[in-house]
Amino acid sequence: MRIALLIPIHDHGDTIAEVVEGLASAGLPCLIVDDGSGPATQEALEQVAKERPFVEVLRLSSNGGKGAALKSGYRAALARGFTHVVQLDADGQHDPRDVPRFVDALRRATGALVLGVPVFDASAPRVRIYARQISRVLVWLACGSRVVPDPLCGFRGLPLAPVVALLDRVPTGDWMDFDPELAVRLVWDGLDVVALPTRVIYRAGGLSHFSLARDYPRLASLYTRLIAARLGRLPARLAGAGERNGNA
């Protein structure tokens, strides 16, 4: 079992050095996927990679979205011989001291999806918390259960083989809709879910790429498609259950 850290980044040059410094004690290789950042962040990443030998930077030529960056990161990590990744954001919202907990969860359940469950403090905008509740309910409908406690948290641990196999098989979103879609589809593929509460901080003046005008419509479209797809599966499942009961 080989685990790497994975961080997608777009123009978070002000926080990435602090994030990487907090990860140094984990003793894991770190792959940072630069999603078309500007010169200032590119310079910060060059300095981080120079000072921290455990860091490798994979630079994408243009900004394709968080989902696109993560997909590139998963494939790159698998090609480098890693079996699992612990991913977290570059903006400093996630507590790097929790990385060992995610690693331990992956070691205990090697085929499971380990999802962070945000524990918010007073810094969290109320509108974002309320919106997350809506996302949770819609994802529960898509999964047919409450197995996914929070579909939007970017702090998670993943087994790479089933993730990349899914990406090879099914087109997925490239932006903020990717994290919830991946969680739902992995549940549909039969992966167990391990939930880990983790502290999330919204920093004053922090840079967020989440856009109400852009990302909420994407999420609404995603949840509609996922729920419709699940409803389309129900007749076949019910027929299969009936056949099994009839043969009992």
C-alpha atoms as a PDB file:
ATOM      1  CA  MET A   1       0.000   0.000   0.000  1.00  0.00           C
ATOM      2  CA  ARG A   2       1.483   3.336  -1.080  1.00  0.00           C
ATOM      3  CA  ILE A   3      -0.246   6.576  -0.122  1.00  0.00           C
ATOM      4  CA  ALA A   4       0.407  10.050  -1.516  1.00  0.00           C
ATOM      5  CA  LEU A   5      -0.970  13.465  -0.690  1.00  0.00           C
ATOM      6  CA  LEU A   6      -2.815  15.234  -3.505  1.00  0.00           C
ATOM      7  CA  ILE A   7      -3.535  18.969  -3.649  1.00  0.00           C
ATOM      8  CA  PRO A   8      -5.266  20.755  -6.540  1.00  0.00           C
ATOM      9  CA  ILE A   9      -4.386  24.435  -6.697  1.00  0.00           C
ATOM     10  CA  HIS A  10      -5.427  27.496  -8.658  1.00  0.00           C
ATOM     11  CA  ASP A  11      -3.940  30.835  -7.587  1.00  0.00           C
ATOM     12  CA  HIS A  12      -3.566  29.971  -3.890  1.00  0.00           C
ATOM     13  CA  GLY A  13       0.053  31.034  -3.831  1.00  0.00           C
ATOM     14  CA  ASP A  14      -0.404  32.894  -0.535  1.00  0.00           C
ATOM     15  CA  THR A  15      -1.358  29.770   1.424  1.00  0.00           C
ATOM     16  CA  ILE A  16       0.324  26.799  -0.248  1.00  0.00           C
ATOM     17  CA  ALA A  17       3.654  27.089   1.590  1.00  0.00           C
ATOM     18  CA  GLU A  18       1.864  27.006   4.953  1.00  0.00           C
ATOM     19  CA  VAL A  19      -0.263  24.046   3.870  1.00  0.00           C
ATOM     20  CA  VAL A  20       2.785  22.072   2.722  1.00  0.00           C
ATOM     21  CA  GLU A  21       4.690  22.928   5.891  1.00  0.00           C
ATOM     22  CA  GLY A  22       1.839  21.480   7.926  1.00  0.00           C
ATOM     23  CA  LEU A  23       2.015  18.278   5.878  1.00  0.00           C
ATOM     24  CA  ALA A  24       5.758  17.690   6.253  1.00  0.00           C
ATOM     25  CA  SER A  25       5.410  15.640   9.432  1.00  0.00           C
ATOM     26  CA  ALA A  26       3.102  13.158   7.685  1.00  0.00           C
ATOM     27  CA  GLY A  27       6.104  11.709   5.882  1.00  0.00           C
ATOM     28  CA  LEU A  28       4.219  11.184   2.612  1.00  0.00           C
ATOM     29  CA  PRO A  29       5.022  12.222  -0.977  1.00  0.00           C
ATOM     30  CA  CYS A  30       2.883  15.140  -2.110  1.00  0.00           C
ATOM     31  CA  LEU A  31       1.655  15.784  -5.638  1.00  0.00           C
ATOM     32  CA  ILE A  32       0.369  19.309  -6.256  1.00  0.00           C
ATOM     33  CA  VAL A  33      -1.631  19.800  -9.444  1.00  0.00           C
ATOM     34  CA  ASP A  34      -1.388  23.404 -10.618  1.00  0.00           C
ATOM     35  CA  ASP A  35      -4.608  24.088 -12.512  1.00  0.00           C
ATOM     36  CA  GLY A  36      -3.321  26.902 -14.729  1.00  0.00           C
ATOM     37  CA  SER A  37      -2.336  29.306 -11.943  1.00  0.00           C
ATOM     38  CA  GLY A  38      -0.839  32.730 -12.624  1.00  0.00           C
ATOM     39  CA  PRO A  39       2.845  33.690 -12.284  1.00  0.00           C
ATOM     40  CA  ALA A  40       2.704  34.487  -8.556  1.00  0.00           C
ATOM     41  CA  THR A  41       1.409  31.030  -7.622  1.00  0.00           C
ATOM     42  CA  GLN A  42       3.757  29.347 -10.096  1.00  0.00           C
ATOM     43  CA  GLU A  43       6.663  31.077  -8.367  1.00  0.00           C
ATOM     44  CA  ALA A  44       5.381  30.038  -4.941  1.00  0.00           C
ATOM     45  CA  LEU A  45       5.090  26.425  -6.113  1.00  0.00           C
ATOM     46  CA  GLU A  46       8.612  26.452  -7.530  1.00  0.00           C
ATOM     47  CA  GLN A  47       9.898  27.640  -4.160  1.00  0.00           C
ATOM     48  CA  VAL A  48       7.891  25.026  -2.262  1.00  0.00           C
ATOM     49  CA  ALA A  49       9.167  22.210  -4.493  1.00  0.00           C
ATOM     50  CA  LYS A  50      12.728  23.479  -4.114  1.00  0.00           C
ATOM     51  CA  GLU A  51      12.540  23.587  -0.314  1.00  0.00           C
ATOM     52  CA  ARG A  52      10.498  20.396   0.168  1.00  0.00           C
ATOM     53  CA  PRO A  53      11.909  17.327  -1.640  1.00  0.00           C
ATOM     54  CA  PHE A  54       8.727  15.332  -0.960  1.00  0.00           C
ATOM     55  CA  VAL A  55       6.733  17.733  -3.187  1.00  0.00           C
ATOM     56  CA  GLU A  56       6.203  17.290  -6.925  1.00  0.00           C
ATOM     57  CA  VAL A  57       4.311  19.894  -8.950  1.00  0.00           C
ATOM     58  CA  LEU A  58       2.290  18.845 -11.978  1.00  0.00           C
ATOM     59  CA  ARG A  59       1.431  21.925 -14.024  1.00  0.00           C
ATOM     60  CA  LEU A  60      -1.590  22.051 -16.315  1.00  0.00           C
ATOM     61  CA  SER A  61      -1.442  24.561 -19.154  1.00  0.00           C
ATOM     62  CA  SER A  62      -4.839  26.149 -18.496  1.00  0.00           C
ATOM     63  CA  ASN A  63      -7.499  26.379 -15.812  1.00  0.00           C
ATOM     64  CA  GLY A  64      -9.817  23.426 -16.415  1.00  0.00           C
ATOM     65  CA  GLY A  65     -11.519  23.295 -13.018  1.00  0.00           C
ATOM     66  CA  LYS A  66     -10.965  21.543  -9.704  1.00  0.00           C
ATOM     67  CA  GLY A  67     -12.452  18.294 -10.994  1.00  0.00           C
ATOM     68  CA  ALA A  68     -10.181  18.278 -14.025  1.00  0.00           C
ATOM     69  CA  ALA A  69      -7.149  18.919 -11.817  1.00  0.00           C
ATOM     70  CA  LEU A  70      -8.086  16.096  -9.463  1.00  0.00           C
ATOM     71  CA  LYS A  71      -8.612  13.677 -12.336  1.00  0.00           C
ATOM     72  CA  SER A  72      -5.152  14.514 -13.662  1.00  0.00           C
ATOM     73  CA  GLY A  73      -3.773  14.032 -10.158  1.00  0.00           C
ATOM     74  CA  TYR A  74      -5.404  10.622  -9.653  1.00  0.00           C
ATOM     75  CA  ARG A  75      -4.022   9.344 -12.944  1.00  0.00           C
ATOM     76  CA  ALA A  76      -0.570  10.759 -12.257  1.00  0.00           C
ATOM     77  CA  ALA A  77      -0.462   9.245  -8.769  1.00  0.00           C
ATOM     78  CA  LEU A  78      -1.533   5.832 -10.068  1.00  0.00           C
ATOM     79  CA  ALA A  79       1.087   6.004 -12.840  1.00  0.00           C
ATOM     80  CA  ARG A  80       3.717   6.688 -10.171  1.00  0.00           C
ATOM     81  CA  GLY A  81       2.820   3.490  -8.343  1.00  0.00           C
ATOM     82  CA  PHE A  82       0.634   4.897  -5.568  1.00  0.00           C
ATOM     83  CA  THR A  83      -2.422   2.919  -4.505  1.00  0.00           C
ATOM     84  CA  HIS A  84      -4.231   5.609  -2.504  1.00  0.00           C
ATOM     85  CA  VAL A  85      -4.313   9.369  -2.073  1.00  0.00           C
ATOM     86  CA  VAL A  86      -5.341  11.708   0.697  1.00  0.00           C
ATOM     87  CA  GLN A  87      -6.545  14.886  -0.979  1.00  0.00           C
ATOM     88  CA  LEU A  88      -7.033  18.287   0.573  1.00  0.00           C
ATOM     89  CA  ASP A  89      -7.426  21.872  -0.574  1.00  0.00           C
ATOM     90  CA  ALA A  90      -4.681  24.454  -1.065  1.00  0.00           C
ATOM     91  CA  ASP A  91      -6.454  27.345   0.667  1.00  0.00           C
ATOM     92  CA  GLY A  92      -5.685  26.335   4.257  1.00  0.00           C
ATOM     93  CA  GLN A  93      -9.266  25.425   5.187  1.00  0.00           C
ATOM     94  CA  HIS A  94      -8.332  21.835   6.057  1.00  0.00           C
ATOM     95  CA  ASP A  95      -6.325  20.863   9.130  1.00  0.00           C
ATOM     96  CA  PRO A  96      -3.152  19.001   8.024  1.00  0.00           C
ATOM     97  CA  ARG A  97      -2.901  17.468  11.493  1.00  0.00           C
ATOM     98  CA  ASP A  98      -5.825  15.240  10.481  1.00  0.00           C
ATOM     99  CA  VAL A  99      -3.896  13.592   7.633  1.00  0.00           C
ATOM    100  CA  PRO A 100      -2.700  10.700   9.854  1.00  0.00           C
ATOM    101  CA  ARG A 101      -6.332   9.944  10.711  1.00  0.00           C
ATOM    102  CA  PHE A 102      -7.205   9.664   7.023  1.00  0.00           C
ATOM    103  CA  VAL A 103      -4.150   7.490   6.414  1.00  0.00           C
ATOM    104  CA  ASP A 104      -5.096   5.216   9.302  1.00  0.00           C
ATOM    105  CA  ALA A 105      -8.657   4.912   7.974  1.00  0.00           C
ATOM    106  CA  LEU A 106      -7.356   3.945   4.534  1.00  0.00           C
ATOM    107  CA  ARG A 107      -5.068   1.322   6.042  1.00  0.00           C
ATOM    108  CA  ARG A 108      -7.944  -0.153   8.034  1.00  0.00           C
ATOM    109  CA  ALA A 109     -10.332  -0.208   5.052  1.00  0.00           C
ATOM    110  CA  THR A 110      -8.168  -0.298   1.935  1.00  0.00           C
ATOM    111  CA  GLY A 111     -11.062  -0.380  -0.521  1.00  0.00           C
ATOM    112  CA  ALA A 112     -13.194   2.296   1.143  1.00  0.00           C
ATOM    113  CA  LEU A 113     -13.882   5.922   0.346  1.00  0.00           C
ATOM    114  CA  VAL A 114     -12.866   8.020   3.362  1.00  0.00           C
ATOM    115  CA  LEU A 115     -14.875  11.242   3.460  1.00  0.00           C
ATOM    116  CA  GLY A 116     -14.209  14.224   5.665  1.00  0.00           C
ATOM    117  CA  VAL A 117     -17.232  15.550   7.532  1.00  0.00           C
ATOM    118  CA  PRO A 118     -16.708  19.275   8.168  1.00  0.00           C
ATOM    119  CA  VAL A 119     -16.812  20.576  11.715  1.00  0.00           C
ATOM    120  CA  PHE A 120     -17.383  24.301  11.233  1.00  0.00           C
ATOM    121  CA  ASP A 121     -16.602  27.126  13.616  1.00  0.00           C
ATOM    122  CA  ALA A 122     -17.962  30.676  13.677  1.00  0.00           C
ATOM    123  CA  SER A 123     -15.923  31.563  10.570  1.00  0.00           C
ATOM    124  CA  ALA A 124     -18.210  29.544   8.284  1.00  0.00           C
ATOM    125  CA  PRO A 125     -20.730  31.633   6.276  1.00  0.00           C
ATOM    126  CA  ARG A 126     -24.247  30.587   7.222  1.00  0.00           C
ATOM    127  CA  VAL A 127     -25.409  30.538   3.604  1.00  0.00           C
ATOM    128  CA  ARG A 128     -22.706  27.990   2.738  1.00  0.00           C
ATOM    129  CA  ILE A 129     -23.750  25.756   5.636  1.00  0.00           C
ATOM    130  CA  TYR A 130     -27.430  25.891   4.628  1.00  0.00           C
ATOM    131  CA  ALA A 131     -26.532  25.119   1.017  1.00  0.00           C
ATOM    132  CA  ARG A 132     -24.523  22.095   2.154  1.00  0.00           C
ATOM    133  CA  GLN A 133     -27.590  20.745   3.906  1.00  0.00           C
ATOM    134  CA  ILE A 134     -29.488  20.863   0.620  1.00  0.00           C
ATOM    135  CA  SER A 135     -26.630  19.071  -1.135  1.00  0.00           C
ATOM    136  CA  ARG A 136     -26.607  16.397   1.545  1.00  0.00           C
ATOM    137  CA  VAL A 137     -30.302  15.658   1.157  1.00  0.00           C
ATOM    138  CA  LEU A 138     -30.080  15.493  -2.632  1.00  0.00           C
ATOM    139  CA  VAL A 139     -27.072  13.174  -2.477  1.00  0.00           C
ATOM    140  CA  TRP A 140     -28.898  10.961   0.019  1.00  0.00           C
ATOM    141  CA  LEU A 141     -31.718  10.696  -2.517  1.00  0.00           C
ATOM    142  CA  ALA A 142     -29.236   9.820  -5.255  1.00  0.00           C
ATOM    143  CA  CYS A 143     -27.600   7.151  -3.071  1.00  0.00           C
ATOM    144  CA  GLY A 144     -30.815   5.849  -1.553  1.00  0.00           C
ATOM    145  CA  SER A 145     -29.291   6.209   1.911  1.00  0.00           C
ATOM    146  CA  ARG A 146     -27.344   8.588   4.149  1.00  0.00           C
ATOM    147  CA  VAL A 147     -24.088   6.791   3.448  1.00  0.00           C
ATOM    148  CA  VAL A 148     -22.420  10.016   2.194  1.00  0.00           C
ATOM    149  CA  PRO A 149     -22.369  12.400   5.176  1.00  0.00           C
ATOM    150  CA  ASP A 150     -21.032  15.408   3.262  1.00  0.00           C
ATOM    151  CA  PRO A 151     -20.565  15.319  -0.534  1.00  0.00           C
ATOM    152  CA  LEU A 152     -18.713  18.618  -0.881  1.00  0.00           C
ATOM    153  CA  CYS A 153     -15.795  18.269   1.524  1.00  0.00           C
ATOM    154  CA  GLY A 154     -12.521  18.158  -0.400  1.00  0.00           C
ATOM    155  CA  PHE A 155     -10.620  16.473   2.430  1.00  0.00           C
ATOM    156  CA  ARG A 156     -10.893  12.768   1.633  1.00  0.00           C
ATOM    157  CA  GLY A 157      -8.996   9.529   1.107  1.00  0.00           C
ATOM    158  CA  LEU A 158      -9.457   7.400  -1.997  1.00  0.00           C
ATOM    159  CA  PRO A 159      -8.292   4.060  -3.426  1.00  0.00           C
ATOM    160  CA  LEU A 160      -6.942   4.920  -6.863  1.00  0.00           C
ATOM    161  CA  ALA A 161      -7.711   1.760  -8.840  1.00  0.00           C
ATOM    162  CA  PRO A 162     -11.536   1.960  -8.559  1.00  0.00           C
ATOM    163  CA  VAL A 163     -11.464   5.747  -8.953  1.00  0.00           C
ATOM    164  CA  VAL A 164      -9.491   5.682 -12.197  1.00  0.00           C
ATOM    165  CA  ALA A 165     -11.537   2.721 -13.477  1.00  0.00           C
ATOM    166  CA  LEU A 166     -14.680   4.804 -12.909  1.00  0.00           C
ATOM    167  CA  LEU A 167     -13.184   7.818 -14.666  1.00  0.00           C
ATOM    168  CA  ASP A 168     -12.253   5.629 -17.637  1.00  0.00           C
ATOM    169  CA  ARG A 169     -15.835   4.382 -17.829  1.00  0.00           C
ATOM    170  CA  VAL A 170     -18.029   7.411 -17.076  1.00  0.00           C
ATOM    171  CA  PRO A 171     -17.741  11.097 -18.067  1.00  0.00           C
ATOM    172  CA  THR A 172     -17.736  13.296 -14.955  1.00  0.00           C
ATOM    173  CA  GLY A 173     -17.828  17.018 -14.202  1.00  0.00           C
ATOM    174  CA  ASP A 174     -14.697  19.158 -14.208  1.00  0.00           C
ATOM    175  CA  TRP A 175     -15.562  21.831 -11.677  1.00  0.00           C
ATOM    176  CA  MET A 176     -17.055  21.953  -8.173  1.00  0.00           C
ATOM    177  CA  ASP A 177     -19.603  19.342  -9.208  1.00  0.00           C
ATOM    178  CA  PHE A 178     -16.883  16.687  -9.393  1.00  0.00           C
ATOM    179  CA  ASP A 179     -16.457  15.855  -5.684  1.00  0.00           C
ATOM    180  CA  PRO A 180     -20.136  15.022  -5.036  1.00  0.00           C
ATOM    181  CA  GLU A 181     -20.478  13.151  -8.321  1.00  0.00           C
ATOM    182  CA  LEU A 182     -17.429  11.008  -7.598  1.00  0.00           C
ATOM    183  CA  ALA A 183     -18.725  10.130  -4.126  1.00  0.00           C
ATOM    184  CA  VAL A 184     -22.150   9.081  -5.433  1.00  0.00           C
ATOM    185  CA  ARG A 185     -20.772   7.042  -8.308  1.00  0.00           C
ATOM    186  CA  LEU A 186     -18.267   5.243  -6.091  1.00  0.00           C
ATOM    187  CA  VAL A 187     -21.105   4.344  -3.728  1.00  0.00           C
ATOM    188  CA  TRP A 188     -23.055   3.029  -6.730  1.00  0.00           C
ATOM    189  CA  ASP A 189     -19.974   0.954  -7.597  1.00  0.00           C
ATOM    190  CA  GLY A 190     -20.163  -0.670  -4.169  1.00  0.00           C
ATOM    191  CA  LEU A 191     -17.420   1.117  -2.221  1.00  0.00           C
ATOM    192  CA  ASP A 192     -17.889   1.384   1.516  1.00  0.00           C
ATOM    193  CA  VAL A 193     -17.746   4.856   3.063  1.00  0.00           C
ATOM    194  CA  VAL A 194     -15.823   5.810   6.192  1.00  0.00           C
ATOM    195  CA  ALA A 195     -16.766   9.196   7.685  1.00  0.00           C
ATOM    196  CA  LEU A 196     -14.182  11.271   9.557  1.00  0.00           C
ATOM    197  CA  PRO A 197     -15.142  14.532  11.295  1.00  0.00           C
ATOM    198  CA  THR A 198     -12.531  17.192  10.541  1.00  0.00           C
ATOM    199  CA  ARG A 199     -12.234  20.868  11.399  1.00  0.00           C
ATOM    200  CA  VAL A 200     -12.786  23.323   8.530  1.00  0.00           C
ATOM    201  CA  ILE A 201     -11.843  26.998   8.785  1.00  0.00           C
ATOM    202  CA  TYR A 202     -12.981  29.808   6.501  1.00  0.00           C
ATOM    203  CA  ARG A 203     -10.126  32.301   6.597  1.00  0.00           C
ATOM    204  CA  ALA A 204     -10.870  36.015   6.567  1.00  0.00           C
ATOM    205  CA  GLY A 205     -10.075  37.352   3.121  1.00  0.00           C
ATOM    206  CA  GLY A 206      -9.430  33.859   1.800  1.00  0.00           C
ATOM    207  CA  LEU A 207      -9.713  33.169  -1.913  1.00  0.00           C
ATOM    208  CA  SER A 208     -12.621  30.920  -2.855  1.00  0.00           C
ATOM    209  CA  HIS A 209     -13.287  29.699  -6.379  1.00  0.00           C
ATOM    210  CA  PHE A 210     -16.842  28.633  -5.526  1.00  0.00           C
ATOM    211  CA  SER A 211     -19.245  30.809  -7.479  1.00  0.00           C
ATOM    212  CA  LEU A 212     -22.947  31.044  -6.616  1.00  0.00           C
ATOM    213  CA  ALA A 213     -23.842  32.007 -10.175  1.00  0.00           C
ATOM    214  CA  ARG A 214     -21.716  29.322 -11.816  1.00  0.00           C
ATOM    215  CA  ASP A 215     -21.496  26.374  -9.432  1.00  0.00           C
ATOM    216  CA  TYR A 216     -25.011  26.185  -7.985  1.00  0.00           C
ATOM    217  CA  PRO A 217     -26.543  25.620 -11.450  1.00  0.00           C
ATOM    218  CA  ARG A 218     -23.903  22.954 -12.109  1.00  0.00           C
ATOM    219  CA  LEU A 219     -24.704  21.235  -8.822  1.00  0.00           C
ATOM    220  CA  ALA A 220     -28.454  21.465  -9.440  1.00  0.00           C
ATOM    221  CA  SER A 221     -28.010  19.855 -12.854  1.00  0.00           C
ATOM    222  CA  LEU A 222     -25.780  17.159 -11.376  1.00  0.00           C
ATOM    223  CA  TYR A 223     -28.194  16.226  -8.593  1.00  0.00           C
ATOM    224  CA  THR A 224     -31.107  16.112 -11.043  1.00  0.00           C
ATOM    225  CA  ARG A 225     -29.188  13.748 -13.313  1.00  0.00           C
ATOM    226  CA  LEU A 226     -28.001  11.526 -10.455  1.00  0.00           C
ATOM    227  CA  ILE A 227     -31.468  11.205  -8.902  1.00  0.00           C
ATOM    228  CA  ALA A 228     -33.001  10.507 -12.309  1.00  0.00           C
ATOM    229  CA  ALA A 229     -30.368   7.851 -12.958  1.00  0.00           C
ATOM    230  CA  ARG A 230     -31.099   6.210  -9.618  1.00  0.00           C
ATOM    231  CA  LEU A 231     -34.837   6.215 -10.274  1.00  0.00           C
ATOM    232  CA  GLY A 232     -34.141   4.627 -13.635  1.00  0.00           C
ATOM    233  CA  ARG A 233     -32.315   1.799 -11.883  1.00  0.00           C
ATOM    234  CA  LEU A 234     -35.127   1.019  -9.466  1.00  0.00           C
ATOM    235  CA  PRO A 235     -37.339  -1.111 -11.760  1.00  0.00           C
ATOM    236  CA  ALA A 236     -34.438  -3.460 -12.556  1.00  0.00           C
ATOM    237  CA  ARG A 237     -33.513  -3.725  -8.883  1.00  0.00           C
ATOM    238  CA  LEU A 238     -37.094  -4.389  -7.845  1.00  0.00           C
ATOM    239  CA  ALA A 239     -37.444  -7.026 -10.572  1.00  0.00           C
ATOM    240  CA  GLY A 240     -34.240  -8.684  -9.408  1.00  0.00           C
ATOM    241  CA  ALA A 241     -35.440  -8.704  -5.817  1.00  0.00           C
ATOM    242  CA  GLY A 242     -38.729 -10.244  -6.908  1.00  0.00           C
ATOM    243  CA  GLU A 243     -36.953 -13.001  -8.817  1.00  0.00           C
ATOM    244  CA  ARG A 244     -34.751 -13.783  -5.829  1.00  0.00           C
ATOM    245  CA  ASN A 245     -37.788 -13.924  -3.504  1.00  0.00           C
ATOM    246  CA  GLY A 246     -39.631 -16.139  -5.960  1.00  0.00           C
ATOM    247  CA  ASN A 247     -36.729 -18.567  -6.063  1.00  0.00           C
ATOM    248  CA  ALA A 248     -36.321 -18.644  -2.292  1.00  0.00           C
END
